[in-house]
Amino acid sequence: MIEIQGLSKYYGKTRALSNVTLSLQPGHIIGLCGPNGSGKTTLIKVLNGLLNDYQGDVRIDGHEVGAHSKSLISYLPDQTYLAGWMNGEHAIKLFKDMYQDFDEARMRELLEKLKLNPKQPMKTMSKGMKEKFQLALVMSRKAMIYILDEPIGGVDPAARELILNTI
């Protein structure tokens, strides 16, 4: 499903990735572990088509990273991307409009499970609530690949198990 050959990425003279080669098959959950600055987020950004100035070959489902691969991947970045003026209903509508594979019924189930109010404005949600909301959006797509960058990073310990079970 994901094939990477000789992937290297530099930020100026700083090496973020050096000759990474790996093959990931469908049906598995893979975790990237490493210290800060080891290239985890850089690799995730390459896979999602957010960085393209790299050396090497990256293919998803046999295609170069691009429109086809983006349609297969549901991505949760490490930063919130929903505008503060939005409430959950706005975000749900946005995902319905953007992604043909978005399952609104699944989203509603996850909101209930995660105890989130879709009418609440994003600007009034805590960091952990925003992260749970974005996770619900991402997991409500019927994607072939889910790429989650630190999905439990800002979440309280009590919610971690619930989030891991959701994933």
C-alpha atoms as a PDB file:
ATOM      1  CA  MET A   1       0.000   0.000   0.000  1.00  0.00           C
ATOM      2  CA  ILE A   2       2.869   2.388   0.857  1.00  0.00           C
ATOM      3  CA  GLU A   3       6.266   1.977  -0.817  1.00  0.00           C
ATOM      4  CA  ILE A   4       9.186   4.269   0.004  1.00  0.00           C
ATOM      5  CA  GLN A   5      12.601   3.935  -1.620  1.00  0.00           C
ATOM      6  CA  GLY A   6      15.612   6.044  -0.639  1.00  0.00           C
ATOM      7  CA  LEU A   7      13.624   8.942   0.822  1.00  0.00           C
ATOM      8  CA  SER A   8      15.760  11.855   2.016  1.00  0.00           C
ATOM      9  CA  LYS A   9      14.634  15.317   3.062  1.00  0.00           C
ATOM     10  CA  TYR A  10      16.701  18.297   4.113  1.00  0.00           C
ATOM     11  CA  TYR A  11      15.665  21.630   5.612  1.00  0.00           C
ATOM     12  CA  GLY A  12      18.571  23.725   4.419  1.00  0.00           C
ATOM     13  CA  LYS A  13      21.609  21.826   5.716  1.00  0.00           C
ATOM     14  CA  THR A  14      19.621  19.976   8.379  1.00  0.00           C
ATOM     15  CA  ARG A  15      18.844  16.373   7.488  1.00  0.00           C
ATOM     16  CA  ALA A  16      15.333  15.339   8.522  1.00  0.00           C
ATOM     17  CA  LEU A  17      15.189  11.995   6.679  1.00  0.00           C
ATOM     18  CA  SER A  18      18.107   9.982   5.334  1.00  0.00           C
ATOM     19  CA  ASN A  19      17.613   7.230   2.766  1.00  0.00           C
ATOM     20  CA  VAL A  20      14.394   5.839   4.285  1.00  0.00           C
ATOM     21  CA  THR A  21      13.156   2.670   2.606  1.00  0.00           C
ATOM     22  CA  LEU A  22      10.084   0.797   3.757  1.00  0.00           C
ATOM     23  CA  SER A  23       7.074  -1.108   2.530  1.00  0.00           C
ATOM     24  CA  LEU A  24       3.772  -1.076   4.405  1.00  0.00           C
ATOM     25  CA  GLN A  25       1.027  -3.553   3.580  1.00  0.00           C
ATOM     26  CA  PRO A  26      -2.705  -2.944   4.132  1.00  0.00           C
ATOM     27  CA  GLY A  27      -4.470  -4.225   7.228  1.00  0.00           C
ATOM     28  CA  HIS A  28      -1.874  -3.182   9.800  1.00  0.00           C
ATOM     29  CA  ILE A  29      -1.535  -0.475  12.422  1.00  0.00           C
ATOM     30  CA  ILE A  30       1.942   1.021  12.324  1.00  0.00           C
ATOM     31  CA  GLY A  31       3.380   3.375  14.925  1.00  0.00           C
ATOM     32  CA  LEU A  32       6.310   5.696  14.284  1.00  0.00           C
ATOM     33  CA  CYS A  33       8.394   6.073  17.409  1.00  0.00           C
ATOM     34  CA  GLY A  34      11.351   8.336  17.943  1.00  0.00           C
ATOM     35  CA  PRO A  35      12.534  11.429  19.765  1.00  0.00           C
ATOM     36  CA  ASN A  36      11.565  14.963  18.804  1.00  0.00           C
ATOM     37  CA  GLY A  37      13.287  15.999  15.600  1.00  0.00           C
ATOM     38  CA  SER A  38      13.770  12.449  14.305  1.00  0.00           C
ATOM     39  CA  GLY A  39      11.657  13.019  11.166  1.00  0.00           C
ATOM     40  CA  LYS A  40       8.323  11.435  12.075  1.00  0.00           C
ATOM     41  CA  THR A  41       6.213  14.462  11.124  1.00  0.00           C
ATOM     42  CA  THR A  42       8.359  15.093   8.035  1.00  0.00           C
ATOM     43  CA  LEU A  43       7.651  11.547   6.823  1.00  0.00           C
ATOM     44  CA  ILE A  44       3.947  11.996   7.532  1.00  0.00           C
ATOM     45  CA  LYS A  45       3.905  15.283   5.584  1.00  0.00           C
ATOM     46  CA  VAL A  46       5.628  13.626   2.604  1.00  0.00           C
ATOM     47  CA  LEU A  47       3.039  10.819   2.608  1.00  0.00           C
ATOM     48  CA  ASN A  48       0.223  13.373   2.667  1.00  0.00           C
ATOM     49  CA  GLY A  49       1.667  15.429  -0.173  1.00  0.00           C
ATOM     50  CA  LEU A  50       2.406  18.432   2.020  1.00  0.00           C
ATOM     51  CA  LEU A  51       6.136  18.306   1.228  1.00  0.00           C
ATOM     52  CA  ASN A  52       7.393  17.563  -2.238  1.00  0.00           C
ATOM     53  CA  ASP A  53      10.979  18.823  -2.257  1.00  0.00           C
ATOM     54  CA  TYR A  54      12.581  15.521  -1.287  1.00  0.00           C
ATOM     55  CA  GLN A  55      14.764  12.902  -2.896  1.00  0.00           C
ATOM     56  CA  GLY A  56      13.608   9.332  -3.406  1.00  0.00           C
ATOM     57  CA  ASP A  57      10.476   7.563  -4.546  1.00  0.00           C
ATOM     58  CA  VAL A  58       7.223   7.515  -2.583  1.00  0.00           C
ATOM     59  CA  ARG A  59       4.221   5.579  -3.867  1.00  0.00           C
ATOM     60  CA  ILE A  60       0.819   4.978  -2.372  1.00  0.00           C
ATOM     61  CA  ASP A  61      -1.340   2.267  -3.932  1.00  0.00           C
ATOM     62  CA  GLY A  62       1.171   2.183  -6.788  1.00  0.00           C
ATOM     63  CA  HIS A  63       0.886   5.903  -7.589  1.00  0.00           C
ATOM     64  CA  GLU A  64       3.133   8.851  -6.888  1.00  0.00           C
ATOM     65  CA  VAL A  65       1.868  11.093  -4.098  1.00  0.00           C
ATOM     66  CA  GLY A  66      -0.826  13.328  -5.584  1.00  0.00           C
ATOM     67  CA  ALA A  67      -4.573  13.557  -6.139  1.00  0.00           C
ATOM     68  CA  HIS A  68      -5.073   9.776  -6.170  1.00  0.00           C
ATOM     69  CA  SER A  69      -3.169   9.186  -2.935  1.00  0.00           C
ATOM     70  CA  LYS A  70      -4.894  12.108  -1.208  1.00  0.00           C
ATOM     71  CA  SER A  71      -8.265  10.479  -1.932  1.00  0.00           C
ATOM     72  CA  LEU A  72      -7.090   7.327  -0.100  1.00  0.00           C
ATOM     73  CA  ILE A  73      -5.685   8.992   3.026  1.00  0.00           C
ATOM     74  CA  SER A  74      -7.504  10.466   5.995  1.00  0.00           C
ATOM     75  CA  TYR A  75      -4.984  12.654   7.814  1.00  0.00           C
ATOM     76  CA  LEU A  76      -4.917  14.031  11.343  1.00  0.00           C
ATOM     77  CA  PRO A  77      -2.153  16.651  11.653  1.00  0.00           C
ATOM     78  CA  ASP A  78      -0.436  17.498  14.922  1.00  0.00           C
ATOM     79  CA  GLN A  79      -1.924  21.025  14.859  1.00  0.00           C
ATOM     80  CA  THR A  80      -5.574  22.047  14.937  1.00  0.00           C
ATOM     81  CA  TYR A  81      -6.830  23.253  11.559  1.00  0.00           C
ATOM     82  CA  LEU A  82     -10.426  24.205  12.320  1.00  0.00           C
ATOM     83  CA  ALA A  83     -11.190  27.927  12.504  1.00  0.00           C
ATOM     84  CA  GLY A  84     -12.247  29.309  15.880  1.00  0.00           C
ATOM     85  CA  TRP A  85     -15.476  30.789  14.492  1.00  0.00           C
ATOM     86  CA  MET A  86     -16.648  27.321  13.388  1.00  0.00           C
ATOM     87  CA  ASN A  87     -18.740  25.043  15.459  1.00  0.00           C
ATOM     88  CA  GLY A  88     -18.841  21.279  15.017  1.00  0.00           C
ATOM     89  CA  GLU A  89     -21.740  21.432  12.570  1.00  0.00           C
ATOM     90  CA  HIS A  90     -19.723  23.723  10.281  1.00  0.00           C
ATOM     91  CA  ALA A  91     -16.808  21.286  10.383  1.00  0.00           C
ATOM     92  CA  ILE A  92     -19.075  18.329   9.615  1.00  0.00           C
ATOM     93  CA  LYS A  93     -20.551  20.173   6.621  1.00  0.00           C
ATOM     94  CA  LEU A  94     -17.046  21.027   5.422  1.00  0.00           C
ATOM     95  CA  PHE A  95     -15.972  17.367   5.573  1.00  0.00           C
ATOM     96  CA  LYS A  96     -19.194  16.241   3.836  1.00  0.00           C
ATOM     97  CA  ASP A  97     -18.502  18.711   1.028  1.00  0.00           C
ATOM     98  CA  MET A  98     -14.795  17.837   0.725  1.00  0.00           C
ATOM     99  CA  TYR A  99     -14.794  14.058   1.061  1.00  0.00           C
ATOM    100  CA  GLN A 100     -17.098  11.677  -0.786  1.00  0.00           C
ATOM    101  CA  ASP A 101     -16.225   8.918   1.688  1.00  0.00           C
ATOM    102  CA  PHE A 102     -17.284  10.906   4.779  1.00  0.00           C
ATOM    103  CA  ASP A 103     -19.801   8.948   6.883  1.00  0.00           C
ATOM    104  CA  GLU A 104     -21.913  11.424   8.837  1.00  0.00           C
ATOM    105  CA  ALA A 105     -23.702   8.685  10.799  1.00  0.00           C
ATOM    106  CA  ARG A 106     -20.320   7.408  12.005  1.00  0.00           C
ATOM    107  CA  MET A 107     -19.353  10.976  12.943  1.00  0.00           C
ATOM    108  CA  ARG A 108     -22.509  11.376  15.039  1.00  0.00           C
ATOM    109  CA  GLU A 109     -21.767   8.081  16.821  1.00  0.00           C
ATOM    110  CA  LEU A 110     -18.222   9.195  17.614  1.00  0.00           C
ATOM    111  CA  LEU A 111     -19.394  12.586  18.895  1.00  0.00           C
ATOM    112  CA  GLU A 112     -21.729  10.825  21.302  1.00  0.00           C
ATOM    113  CA  LYS A 113     -19.042   8.335  22.351  1.00  0.00           C
ATOM    114  CA  LEU A 114     -16.491  11.123  22.887  1.00  0.00           C
ATOM    115  CA  LYS A 115     -19.085  13.319  24.649  1.00  0.00           C
ATOM    116  CA  LEU A 116     -18.684  16.249  22.243  1.00  0.00           C
ATOM    117  CA  ASN A 117     -21.353  18.806  21.382  1.00  0.00           C
ATOM    118  CA  PRO A 118     -21.406  19.612  17.633  1.00  0.00           C
ATOM    119  CA  LYS A 119     -23.042  22.989  18.344  1.00  0.00           C
ATOM    120  CA  GLN A 120     -20.137  24.154  20.522  1.00  0.00           C
ATOM    121  CA  PRO A 121     -17.843  26.724  18.857  1.00  0.00           C
ATOM    122  CA  MET A 122     -14.272  25.579  18.312  1.00  0.00           C
ATOM    123  CA  LYS A 123     -12.918  28.661  20.084  1.00  0.00           C
ATOM    124  CA  THR A 124     -14.606  27.523  23.320  1.00  0.00           C
ATOM    125  CA  MET A 125     -13.290  23.950  23.155  1.00  0.00           C
ATOM    126  CA  SER A 126     -10.228  22.909  25.117  1.00  0.00           C
ATOM    127  CA  LYS A 127      -7.181  21.668  23.197  1.00  0.00           C
ATOM    128  CA  GLY A 128      -8.103  18.075  24.043  1.00  0.00           C
ATOM    129  CA  MET A 129     -11.712  18.568  22.913  1.00  0.00           C
ATOM    130  CA  LYS A 130     -10.544  20.004  19.566  1.00  0.00           C
ATOM    131  CA  GLU A 131      -8.194  17.064  19.115  1.00  0.00           C
ATOM    132  CA  LYS A 132     -10.972  14.583  19.873  1.00  0.00           C
ATOM    133  CA  PHE A 133     -13.292  16.404  17.467  1.00  0.00           C
ATOM    134  CA  GLN A 134     -10.717  16.364  14.660  1.00  0.00           C
ATOM    135  CA  LEU A 135     -10.003  12.689  15.349  1.00  0.00           C
ATOM    136  CA  ALA A 136     -13.727  11.952  14.989  1.00  0.00           C
ATOM    137  CA  LEU A 137     -13.779  13.795  11.643  1.00  0.00           C
ATOM    138  CA  VAL A 138     -10.757  11.887  10.353  1.00  0.00           C
ATOM    139  CA  MET A 139     -12.006   8.496  11.564  1.00  0.00           C
ATOM    140  CA  SER A 140     -15.429   9.133   9.984  1.00  0.00           C
ATOM    141  CA  ARG A 141     -13.996   8.849   6.507  1.00  0.00           C
ATOM    142  CA  LYS A 142     -14.006   5.441   4.824  1.00  0.00           C
ATOM    143  CA  ALA A 143     -10.403   5.862   3.769  1.00  0.00           C
ATOM    144  CA  MET A 144      -7.928   3.118   2.901  1.00  0.00           C
ATOM    145  CA  ILE A 145      -5.190   4.738   4.999  1.00  0.00           C
ATOM    146  CA  TYR A 146      -5.425   6.727   8.236  1.00  0.00           C
ATOM    147  CA  ILE A 147      -2.375   8.794   9.134  1.00  0.00           C
ATOM    148  CA  LEU A 148      -2.512  10.291  12.616  1.00  0.00           C
ATOM    149  CA  ASP A 149       0.231  12.596  13.887  1.00  0.00           C
ATOM    150  CA  GLU A 150       0.256  12.420  17.705  1.00  0.00           C
ATOM    151  CA  PRO A 151      -3.446  11.588  18.117  1.00  0.00           C
ATOM    152  CA  ILE A 152      -3.253  11.516  21.921  1.00  0.00           C
ATOM    153  CA  GLY A 153      -0.659  14.260  22.402  1.00  0.00           C
ATOM    154  CA  GLY A 154      -2.851  16.860  24.101  1.00  0.00           C
ATOM    155  CA  VAL A 155      -5.505  14.597  25.560  1.00  0.00           C
ATOM    156  CA  ASP A 156      -6.027  13.954  29.245  1.00  0.00           C
ATOM    157  CA  PRO A 157      -5.101  10.462  30.494  1.00  0.00           C
ATOM    158  CA  ALA A 158      -8.745   9.537  31.113  1.00  0.00           C
ATOM    159  CA  ALA A 159      -9.602  10.109  27.437  1.00  0.00           C
ATOM    160  CA  ARG A 160      -6.551   8.294  26.032  1.00  0.00           C
ATOM    161  CA  GLU A 161      -7.981   4.800  26.310  1.00  0.00           C
ATOM    162  CA  LEU A 162     -11.229   5.917  24.689  1.00  0.00           C
ATOM    163  CA  ILE A 163      -9.311   7.518  21.833  1.00  0.00           C
ATOM    164  CA  LEU A 164      -7.059   4.499  21.337  1.00  0.00           C
ATOM    165  CA  ASN A 165     -10.135   2.255  21.241  1.00  0.00           C
ATOM    166  CA  THR A 166     -11.727   4.614  18.689  1.00  0.00           C
ATOM    167  CA  ILE A 167      -8.645   4.356  16.490  1.00  0.00           C
END
